[in-house]
Structure formats: C-alpha cells, structure tokens
Amino acid sequence: MLRLNDFPEHPLCTLFADGQRVDDLPAGWRATAGGPGPLTPQERRQVLGVMRGLGPYGSEAGVPCDGDWCTCSILTDDYVAREA
C-alpha cells in the first residue's frame, strides 16, 4: 500500500507491505498513469484494516508528526475511513 504524505513537509509517499514500512523500493519501479482503478468496498475495508493507526507520517515508527505546519494530525482512522 502507498500512503501519500503531507508533502513538502514529509516525503511524497511511504510504501507499506503487510503494514510495515518499506525503505528500499524495488529496482525498476516507476510512477505510471492509470492503474487498476478504484478499490471495491471489500478491498477498501481490507486496506483500512491493515493500515489502522498508520495515517500520520511517522506513525509507523511510533512518532506521528505533530509539526506546526503539517496537517498530519487530521489523518485519523475515522477521517481516512469516511466515504468520499
């Protein structure tokens, strides 16, 4: 899963595999347009379950961001789970 971060305060995104941050991206990965499309409701519930508590930047290390100019504090599980 890919978490978009509050850029430019933090890196643009963080990659997670099984709920763990991945620091080294596989060789050959490139940003691509398109993709498989939106998640189904079941897939969305599964992703939110795995990522519970990992919304704010740094939460995966137990130190969620609380910077003055950052919006990480609104990235609660309830905020992320709301319907668009």
PDB file of N, CA and C in Angstrom:
ATOM      1  N   MET A   1       0.833  -1.157   0.000  1.00  0.00           N
ATOM      2  CA  MET A   1       0.000   0.000   0.000  1.00  0.00           C
ATOM      3  C   MET A   1       0.885   1.229   0.000  1.00  0.00           C
ATOM      4  N   LEU A   2       0.386   2.283  -0.558  1.00  0.00           N
ATOM      5  CA  LEU A   2       1.135   3.519  -0.660  1.00  0.00           C
ATOM      6  C   LEU A   2       0.382   4.609   0.093  1.00  0.00           C
ATOM      7  N   ARG A   3       1.026   5.226   1.086  1.00  0.00           N
ATOM      8  CA  ARG A   3       0.413   6.330   1.822  1.00  0.00           C
ATOM      9  C   ARG A   3       0.968   7.628   1.262  1.00  0.00           C
ATOM     10  N   LEU A   4       0.086   8.496   0.802  1.00  0.00           N
ATOM     11  CA  LEU A   4       0.517   9.825   0.384  1.00  0.00           C
ATOM     12  C   LEU A   4       0.720  10.654   1.643  1.00  0.00           C
ATOM     13  N   ASN A   5       1.844  11.324   1.733  1.00  0.00           N
ATOM     14  CA  ASN A   5       2.178  12.114   2.910  1.00  0.00           C
ATOM     15  C   ASN A   5       1.896  13.590   2.667  1.00  0.00           C
ATOM     16  N   ASP A   6       2.026  14.372   3.711  1.00  0.00           N
ATOM     17  CA  ASP A   6       1.803  15.819   3.638  1.00  0.00           C
ATOM     18  C   ASP A   6       3.058  16.470   3.046  1.00  0.00           C
ATOM     19  N   PHE A   7       3.156  16.423   1.735  1.00  0.00           N
ATOM     20  CA  PHE A   7       4.301  16.978   1.001  1.00  0.00           C
ATOM     21  C   PHE A   7       4.135  18.488   0.892  1.00  0.00           C
ATOM     22  N   PRO A   8       5.116  19.326   1.086  1.00  0.00           N
ATOM     23  CA  PRO A   8       6.548  19.041   1.150  1.00  0.00           C
ATOM     24  C   PRO A   8       7.095  18.885   2.565  1.00  0.00           C
ATOM     25  N   GLU A   9       6.218  18.906   3.578  1.00  0.00           N
ATOM     26  CA  GLU A   9       6.696  18.724   4.956  1.00  0.00           C
ATOM     27  C   GLU A   9       7.370  17.359   5.151  1.00  0.00           C
ATOM     28  N   HIS A  10       6.897  16.366   4.410  1.00  0.00           N
ATOM     29  CA  HIS A  10       7.397  14.994   4.508  1.00  0.00           C
ATOM     30  C   HIS A  10       7.645  14.465   3.104  1.00  0.00           C
ATOM     31  N   PRO A  11       8.297  13.297   2.993  1.00  0.00           N
ATOM     32  CA  PRO A  11       8.449  12.707   1.661  1.00  0.00           C
ATOM     33  C   PRO A  11       7.074  12.535   1.003  1.00  0.00           C
ATOM     34  N   LEU A  12       7.032  12.556  -0.311  1.00  0.00           N
ATOM     35  CA  LEU A  12       5.766  12.499  -1.045  1.00  0.00           C
ATOM     36  C   LEU A  12       4.923  11.288  -0.653  1.00  0.00           C
ATOM     37  N   CYS A  13       5.562  10.126  -0.478  1.00  0.00           N
ATOM     38  CA  CYS A  13       4.786   8.939  -0.135  1.00  0.00           C
ATOM     39  C   CYS A  13       5.636   7.952   0.659  1.00  0.00           C
ATOM     40  N   THR A  14       4.939   7.005   1.304  1.00  0.00           N
ATOM     41  CA  THR A  14       5.595   5.935   2.039  1.00  0.00           C
ATOM     42  C   THR A  14       4.981   4.628   1.566  1.00  0.00           C
ATOM     43  N   LEU A  15       5.801   3.649   1.228  1.00  0.00           N
ATOM     44  CA  LEU A  15       5.346   2.345   0.779  1.00  0.00           C
ATOM     45  C   LEU A  15       5.273   1.405   1.976  1.00  0.00           C
ATOM     46  N   PHE A  16       4.165   0.640   2.074  1.00  0.00           N
ATOM     47  CA  PHE A  16       3.990  -0.349   3.132  1.00  0.00           C
ATOM     48  C   PHE A  16       3.736  -1.710   2.503  1.00  0.00           C
ATOM     49  N   ALA A  17       4.278  -2.761   3.099  1.00  0.00           N
ATOM     50  CA  ALA A  17       3.986  -4.140   2.730  1.00  0.00           C
ATOM     51  C   ALA A  17       3.605  -4.868   4.011  1.00  0.00           C
ATOM     52  N   ASP A  18       2.396  -5.408   4.057  1.00  0.00           N
ATOM     53  CA  ASP A  18       1.883  -6.082   5.263  1.00  0.00           C
ATOM     54  C   ASP A  18       1.947  -5.178   6.485  1.00  0.00           C
ATOM     55  N   GLY A  19       1.650  -3.899   6.313  1.00  0.00           N
ATOM     56  CA  GLY A  19       1.621  -2.964   7.428  1.00  0.00           C
ATOM     57  C   GLY A  19       2.977  -2.505   7.912  1.00  0.00           C
ATOM     58  N   GLN A  20       4.041  -2.866   7.223  1.00  0.00           N
ATOM     59  CA  GLN A  20       5.396  -2.465   7.597  1.00  0.00           C
ATOM     60  C   GLN A  20       5.966  -1.541   6.535  1.00  0.00           C
ATOM     61  N   ARG A  21       6.629  -0.466   6.964  1.00  0.00           N
ATOM     62  CA  ARG A  21       7.236   0.466   6.011  1.00  0.00           C
ATOM     63  C   ARG A  21       8.352  -0.224   5.239  1.00  0.00           C
ATOM     64  N   VAL A  22       8.402   0.054   3.940  1.00  0.00           N
ATOM     65  CA  VAL A  22       9.464  -0.459   3.073  1.00  0.00           C
ATOM     66  C   VAL A  22      10.366   0.712   2.728  1.00  0.00           C
ATOM     67  N   ASP A  23      11.633   0.635   3.140  1.00  0.00           N
ATOM     68  CA  ASP A  23      12.547   1.755   2.921  1.00  0.00           C
ATOM     69  C   ASP A  23      13.203   1.732   1.550  1.00  0.00           C
ATOM     70  N   ASP A  24      13.418   0.567   0.996  1.00  0.00           N
ATOM     71  CA  ASP A  24      14.086   0.452  -0.301  1.00  0.00           C
ATOM     72  C   ASP A  24      13.084  -0.020  -1.345  1.00  0.00           C
ATOM     73  N   LEU A  25      12.777   0.861  -2.304  1.00  0.00           N
ATOM     74  CA  LEU A  25      11.866   0.487  -3.377  1.00  0.00           C
ATOM     75  C   LEU A  25      12.541  -0.502  -4.311  1.00  0.00           C
ATOM     76  N   PRO A  26      11.774  -1.457  -4.824  1.00  0.00           N
ATOM     77  CA  PRO A  26      12.363  -2.411  -5.776  1.00  0.00           C
ATOM     78  C   PRO A  26      12.917  -1.694  -7.002  1.00  0.00           C
ATOM     79  N   ALA A  27      14.004  -2.205  -7.532  1.00  0.00           N
ATOM     80  CA  ALA A  27      14.608  -1.624  -8.738  1.00  0.00           C
ATOM     81  C   ALA A  27      13.605  -1.675  -9.884  1.00  0.00           C
ATOM     82  N   GLY A  28      13.569  -0.620 -10.666  1.00  0.00           N
ATOM     83  CA  GLY A  28      12.695  -0.590 -11.827  1.00  0.00           C
ATOM     84  C   GLY A  28      11.307  -0.030 -11.581  1.00  0.00           C
ATOM     85  N   TRP A  29      10.976   0.304 -10.335  1.00  0.00           N
ATOM     86  CA  TRP A  29       9.656   0.881 -10.078  1.00  0.00           C
ATOM     87  C   TRP A  29       9.605   2.286 -10.636  1.00  0.00           C
ATOM     88  N   ARG A  30       8.519   2.598 -11.301  1.00  0.00           N
ATOM     89  CA  ARG A  30       8.328   3.926 -11.884  1.00  0.00           C
ATOM     90  C   ARG A  30       6.890   4.359 -11.636  1.00  0.00           C
ATOM     91  N   ALA A  31       6.684   5.649 -11.519  1.00  0.00           N
ATOM     92  CA  ALA A  31       5.319   6.170 -11.422  1.00  0.00           C
ATOM     93  C   ALA A  31       4.649   5.982 -12.774  1.00  0.00           C
ATOM     94  N   THR A  32       3.443   5.468 -12.754  1.00  0.00           N
ATOM     95  CA  THR A  32       2.716   5.265 -14.001  1.00  0.00           C
ATOM     96  C   THR A  32       1.333   5.872 -13.891  1.00  0.00           C
ATOM     97  N   ALA A  33       0.810   6.306 -15.012  1.00  0.00           N
ATOM     98  CA  ALA A  33      -0.548   6.833 -15.044  1.00  0.00           C
ATOM     99  C   ALA A  33      -1.516   5.662 -15.157  1.00  0.00           C
ATOM    100  N   GLY A  34      -2.739   5.899 -14.758  1.00  0.00           N
ATOM    101  CA  GLY A  34      -3.751   4.853 -14.871  1.00  0.00           C
ATOM    102  C   GLY A  34      -3.723   3.944 -13.670  1.00  0.00           C
ATOM    103  N   GLY A  35      -3.618   2.690 -13.895  1.00  0.00           N
ATOM    104  CA  GLY A  35      -3.601   1.728 -12.809  1.00  0.00           C
ATOM    105  C   GLY A  35      -4.868   0.897 -12.826  1.00  0.00           C
ATOM    106  N   PRO A  36      -5.059   0.083 -11.804  1.00  0.00           N
ATOM    107  CA  PRO A  36      -6.180  -0.845 -11.813  1.00  0.00           C
ATOM    108  C   PRO A  36      -7.540  -0.217 -11.512  1.00  0.00           C
ATOM    109  N   GLY A  37      -7.582   1.043 -11.110  1.00  0.00           N
ATOM    110  CA  GLY A  37      -8.858   1.676 -10.805  1.00  0.00           C
ATOM    111  C   GLY A  37      -9.154   1.661  -9.312  1.00  0.00           C
ATOM    112  N   PRO A  38     -10.335   2.154  -8.931  1.00  0.00           N
ATOM    113  CA  PRO A  38     -10.662   2.264  -7.505  1.00  0.00           C
ATOM    114  C   PRO A  38     -10.846   0.892  -6.853  1.00  0.00           C
ATOM    115  N   LEU A  39     -10.684   0.866  -5.536  1.00  0.00           N
ATOM    116  CA  LEU A  39     -10.877  -0.360  -4.774  1.00  0.00           C
ATOM    117  C   LEU A  39     -12.358  -0.673  -4.645  1.00  0.00           C
ATOM    118  N   THR A  40     -12.656  -1.949  -4.532  1.00  0.00           N
ATOM    119  CA  THR A  40     -14.025  -2.354  -4.221  1.00  0.00           C
ATOM    120  C   THR A  40     -14.255  -2.058  -2.738  1.00  0.00           C
ATOM    121  N   PRO A  41     -15.510  -2.016  -2.272  1.00  0.00           N
ATOM    122  CA  PRO A  41     -15.752  -1.793  -0.833  1.00  0.00           C
ATOM    123  C   PRO A  41     -15.039  -2.825   0.047  1.00  0.00           C
ATOM    124  N   GLN A  42     -15.015  -4.078  -0.381  1.00  0.00           N
ATOM    125  CA  GLN A  42     -14.333  -5.112   0.401  1.00  0.00           C
ATOM    126  C   GLN A  42     -12.822  -4.859   0.441  1.00  0.00           C
ATOM    127  N   GLU A  43     -12.225  -4.522  -0.700  1.00  0.00           N
ATOM    128  CA  GLU A  43     -10.790  -4.222  -0.746  1.00  0.00           C
ATOM    129  C   GLU A  43     -10.476  -3.013   0.134  1.00  0.00           C
ATOM    130  N   ARG A  44     -11.332  -2.011   0.090  1.00  0.00           N
ATOM    131  CA  ARG A  44     -11.130  -0.797   0.898  1.00  0.00           C
ATOM    132  C   ARG A  44     -11.113  -1.141   2.393  1.00  0.00           C
ATOM    133  N   ARG A  45     -12.073  -1.961   2.843  1.00  0.00           N
ATOM    134  CA  ARG A  45     -12.112  -2.368   4.255  1.00  0.00           C
ATOM    135  C   ARG A  45     -10.847  -3.125   4.633  1.00  0.00           C
ATOM    136  N   GLN A  46     -10.374  -3.980   3.720  1.00  0.00           N
ATOM    137  CA  GLN A  46      -9.163  -4.753   3.996  1.00  0.00           C
ATOM    138  C   GLN A  46      -7.951  -3.829   4.132  1.00  0.00           C
ATOM    139  N   VAL A  47      -7.807  -2.886   3.220  1.00  0.00           N
ATOM    140  CA  VAL A  47      -6.679  -1.950   3.264  1.00  0.00           C
ATOM    141  C   VAL A  47      -6.728  -1.120   4.544  1.00  0.00           C
ATOM    142  N   LEU A  48      -7.908  -0.594   4.877  1.00  0.00           N
ATOM    143  CA  LEU A  48      -8.026   0.220   6.086  1.00  0.00           C
ATOM    144  C   LEU A  48      -7.727  -0.590   7.337  1.00  0.00           C
ATOM    145  N   GLY A  49      -8.066  -1.876   7.336  1.00  0.00           N
ATOM    146  CA  GLY A  49      -7.743  -2.736   8.478  1.00  0.00           C
ATOM    147  C   GLY A  49      -6.245  -2.914   8.653  1.00  0.00           C
ATOM    148  N   VAL A  50      -5.543  -3.172   7.549  1.00  0.00           N
ATOM    149  CA  VAL A  50      -4.088  -3.353   7.612  1.00  0.00           C
ATOM    150  C   VAL A  50      -3.391  -2.055   8.014  1.00  0.00           C
ATOM    151  N   MET A  51      -3.912  -0.919   7.540  1.00  0.00           N
ATOM    152  CA  MET A  51      -3.258   0.369   7.759  1.00  0.00           C
ATOM    153  C   MET A  51      -3.758   1.108   9.004  1.00  0.00           C
ATOM    154  N   ARG A  52      -4.625   0.471   9.815  1.00  0.00           N
ATOM    155  CA  ARG A  52      -5.152   1.125  11.008  1.00  0.00           C
ATOM    156  C   ARG A  52      -4.022   1.702  11.851  1.00  0.00           C
ATOM    157  N   GLY A  53      -4.134   2.981  12.174  1.00  0.00           N
ATOM    158  CA  GLY A  53      -3.142   3.650  13.011  1.00  0.00           C
ATOM    159  C   GLY A  53      -1.921   4.164  12.271  1.00  0.00           C
ATOM    160  N   LEU A  54      -1.847   3.971  10.962  1.00  0.00           N
ATOM    161  CA  LEU A  54      -0.660   4.366  10.213  1.00  0.00           C
ATOM    162  C   LEU A  54      -0.898   5.575   9.311  1.00  0.00           C
ATOM    163  N   GLY A  55      -1.918   6.389   9.600  1.00  0.00           N
ATOM    164  CA  GLY A  55      -2.228   7.543   8.767  1.00  0.00           C
ATOM    165  C   GLY A  55      -1.197   8.647   8.833  1.00  0.00           C
ATOM    166  N   PRO A  56      -0.915   9.175  10.013  1.00  0.00           N
ATOM    167  CA  PRO A  56       0.040  10.277  10.090  1.00  0.00           C
ATOM    168  C   PRO A  56       1.466   9.851   9.770  1.00  0.00           C
ATOM    169  N   TYR A  57       2.208  10.719   9.114  1.00  0.00           N
ATOM    170  CA  TYR A  57       3.612  10.456   8.805  1.00  0.00           C
ATOM    171  C   TYR A  57       4.359  10.149  10.099  1.00  0.00           C
ATOM    172  N   GLY A  58       5.169   9.116  10.091  1.00  0.00           N
ATOM    173  CA  GLY A  58       5.977   8.734  11.250  1.00  0.00           C
ATOM    174  C   GLY A  58       5.270   7.802  12.214  1.00  0.00           C
ATOM    175  N   SER A  59       3.970   7.566  12.052  1.00  0.00           N
ATOM    176  CA  SER A  59       3.250   6.709  12.985  1.00  0.00           C
ATOM    177  C   SER A  59       3.773   5.277  12.964  1.00  0.00           C
ATOM    178  N   GLU A  60       4.330   4.861  11.816  1.00  0.00           N
ATOM    179  CA  GLU A  60       4.872   3.505  11.726  1.00  0.00           C
ATOM    180  C   GLU A  60       6.082   3.321  12.640  1.00  0.00           C
ATOM    181  N   ALA A  61       6.705   4.410  13.063  1.00  0.00           N
ATOM    182  CA  ALA A  61       7.849   4.342  13.974  1.00  0.00           C
ATOM    183  C   ALA A  61       7.459   4.752  15.389  1.00  0.00           C
ATOM    184  N   GLY A  62       6.151   4.956  15.624  1.00  0.00           N
ATOM    185  CA  GLY A  62       5.681   5.341  16.951  1.00  0.00           C
ATOM    186  C   GLY A  62       5.853   6.814  17.259  1.00  0.00           C
ATOM    187  N   VAL A  63       6.163   7.634  16.253  1.00  0.00           N
ATOM    188  CA  VAL A  63       6.341   9.073  16.455  1.00  0.00           C
ATOM    189  C   VAL A  63       5.568   9.856  15.400  1.00  0.00           C
ATOM    190  N   PRO A  64       4.206   9.835  15.486  1.00  0.00           N
ATOM    191  CA  PRO A  64       3.441  10.571  14.479  1.00  0.00           C
ATOM    192  C   PRO A  64       3.764  12.051  14.498  1.00  0.00           C
ATOM    193  N   CYS A  65       3.709  12.655  13.334  1.00  0.00           N
ATOM    194  CA  CYS A  65       4.057  14.059  13.178  1.00  0.00           C
ATOM    195  C   CYS A  65       3.083  14.949  13.937  1.00  0.00           C
ATOM    196  N   ASP A  66       3.629  15.964  14.578  1.00  0.00           N
ATOM    197  CA  ASP A  66       2.795  16.984  15.227  1.00  0.00           C
ATOM    198  C   ASP A  66       3.338  18.374  14.905  1.00  0.00           C
ATOM    199  N   GLY A  67       3.935  18.501  13.716  1.00  0.00           N
ATOM    200  CA  GLY A  67       4.532  19.759  13.302  1.00  0.00           C
ATOM    201  C   GLY A  67       3.514  20.881  13.173  1.00  0.00           C
ATOM    202  N   ASP A  68       3.955  22.095  13.432  1.00  0.00           N
ATOM    203  CA  ASP A  68       3.077  23.265  13.388  1.00  0.00           C
ATOM    204  C   ASP A  68       2.456  23.493  12.013  1.00  0.00           C
ATOM    205  N   TRP A  69       3.180  23.201  10.949  1.00  0.00           N
ATOM    206  CA  TRP A  69       2.707  23.499   9.595  1.00  0.00           C
ATOM    207  C   TRP A  69       2.215  22.271   8.851  1.00  0.00           C
ATOM    208  N   CYS A  70       2.075  21.174   9.540  1.00  0.00           N
ATOM    209  CA  CYS A  70       1.697  19.911   8.919  1.00  0.00           C
ATOM    210  C   CYS A  70       0.230  19.588   9.229  1.00  0.00           C
ATOM    211  N   THR A  71      -0.430  18.918   8.301  1.00  0.00           N
ATOM    212  CA  THR A  71      -1.822  18.527   8.515  1.00  0.00           C
ATOM    213  C   THR A  71      -1.951  17.060   8.921  1.00  0.00           C
ATOM    214  N   CYS A  72      -0.861  16.437   9.327  1.00  0.00           N
ATOM    215  CA  CYS A  72      -0.893  15.022   9.705  1.00  0.00           C
ATOM    216  C   CYS A  72      -1.892  14.738  10.824  1.00  0.00           C
ATOM    217  N   SER A  73      -2.116  15.684  11.717  1.00  0.00           N
ATOM    218  CA  SER A  73      -2.970  15.430  12.873  1.00  0.00           C
ATOM    219  C   SER A  73      -4.414  15.112  12.489  1.00  0.00           C
ATOM    220  N   ILE A  74      -4.860  15.484  11.279  1.00  0.00           N
ATOM    221  CA  ILE A  74      -6.230  15.167  10.879  1.00  0.00           C
ATOM    222  C   ILE A  74      -6.339  13.778  10.268  1.00  0.00           C
ATOM    223  N   LEU A  75      -5.220  13.105  10.013  1.00  0.00           N
ATOM    224  CA  LEU A  75      -5.240  11.814   9.329  1.00  0.00           C
ATOM    225  C   LEU A  75      -5.519  10.662  10.295  1.00  0.00           C
ATOM    226  N   THR A  76      -6.631  10.780  11.038  1.00  0.00           N
ATOM    227  CA  THR A  76      -7.034   9.727  11.966  1.00  0.00           C
ATOM    228  C   THR A  76      -7.679   8.587  11.188  1.00  0.00           C
ATOM    229  N   ASP A  77      -7.849   7.432  11.829  1.00  0.00           N
ATOM    230  CA  ASP A  77      -8.511   6.305  11.186  1.00  0.00           C
ATOM    231  C   ASP A  77      -9.933   6.681  10.757  1.00  0.00           C
ATOM    232  N   ASP A  78     -10.665   7.423  11.607  1.00  0.00           N
ATOM    233  CA  ASP A  78     -12.031   7.832  11.257  1.00  0.00           C
ATOM    234  C   ASP A  78     -12.047   8.753  10.050  1.00  0.00           C
ATOM    235  N   TYR A  79     -11.100   9.678   9.977  1.00  0.00           N
ATOM    236  CA  TYR A  79     -11.026  10.609   8.840  1.00  0.00           C
ATOM    237  C   TYR A  79     -10.764   9.843   7.540  1.00  0.00           C
ATOM    238  N   VAL A  80      -9.836   8.924   7.580  1.00  0.00           N
ATOM    239  CA  VAL A  80      -9.469   8.176   6.384  1.00  0.00           C
ATOM    240  C   VAL A  80     -10.589   7.222   5.961  1.00  0.00           C
ATOM    241  N   ALA A  81     -11.344   6.682   6.909  1.00  0.00           N
ATOM    242  CA  ALA A  81     -12.388   5.709   6.595  1.00  0.00           C
ATOM    243  C   ALA A  81     -13.681   6.337   6.088  1.00  0.00           C
ATOM    244  N   ARG A  82     -13.806   7.647   6.176  1.00  0.00           N
ATOM    245  CA  ARG A  82     -15.055   8.279   5.735  1.00  0.00           C
ATOM    246  C   ARG A  82     -15.264   8.019   4.253  1.00  0.00           C
ATOM    247  N   GLU A  83     -16.502   8.015   3.831  1.00  0.00           N
ATOM    248  CA  GLU A  83     -16.821   7.809   2.429  1.00  0.00           C
ATOM    249  C   GLU A  83     -16.555   9.111   1.669  1.00  0.00           C
ATOM    250  N   ALA A  84     -15.985   9.000   0.474  1.00  0.00           N
ATOM    251  CA  ALA A  84     -15.674  10.173  -0.334  1.00  0.00           C
ATOM    252  C   ALA A  84     -16.930  10.774  -0.936  1.00  0.00           C
TER     253      ALA A  84
END
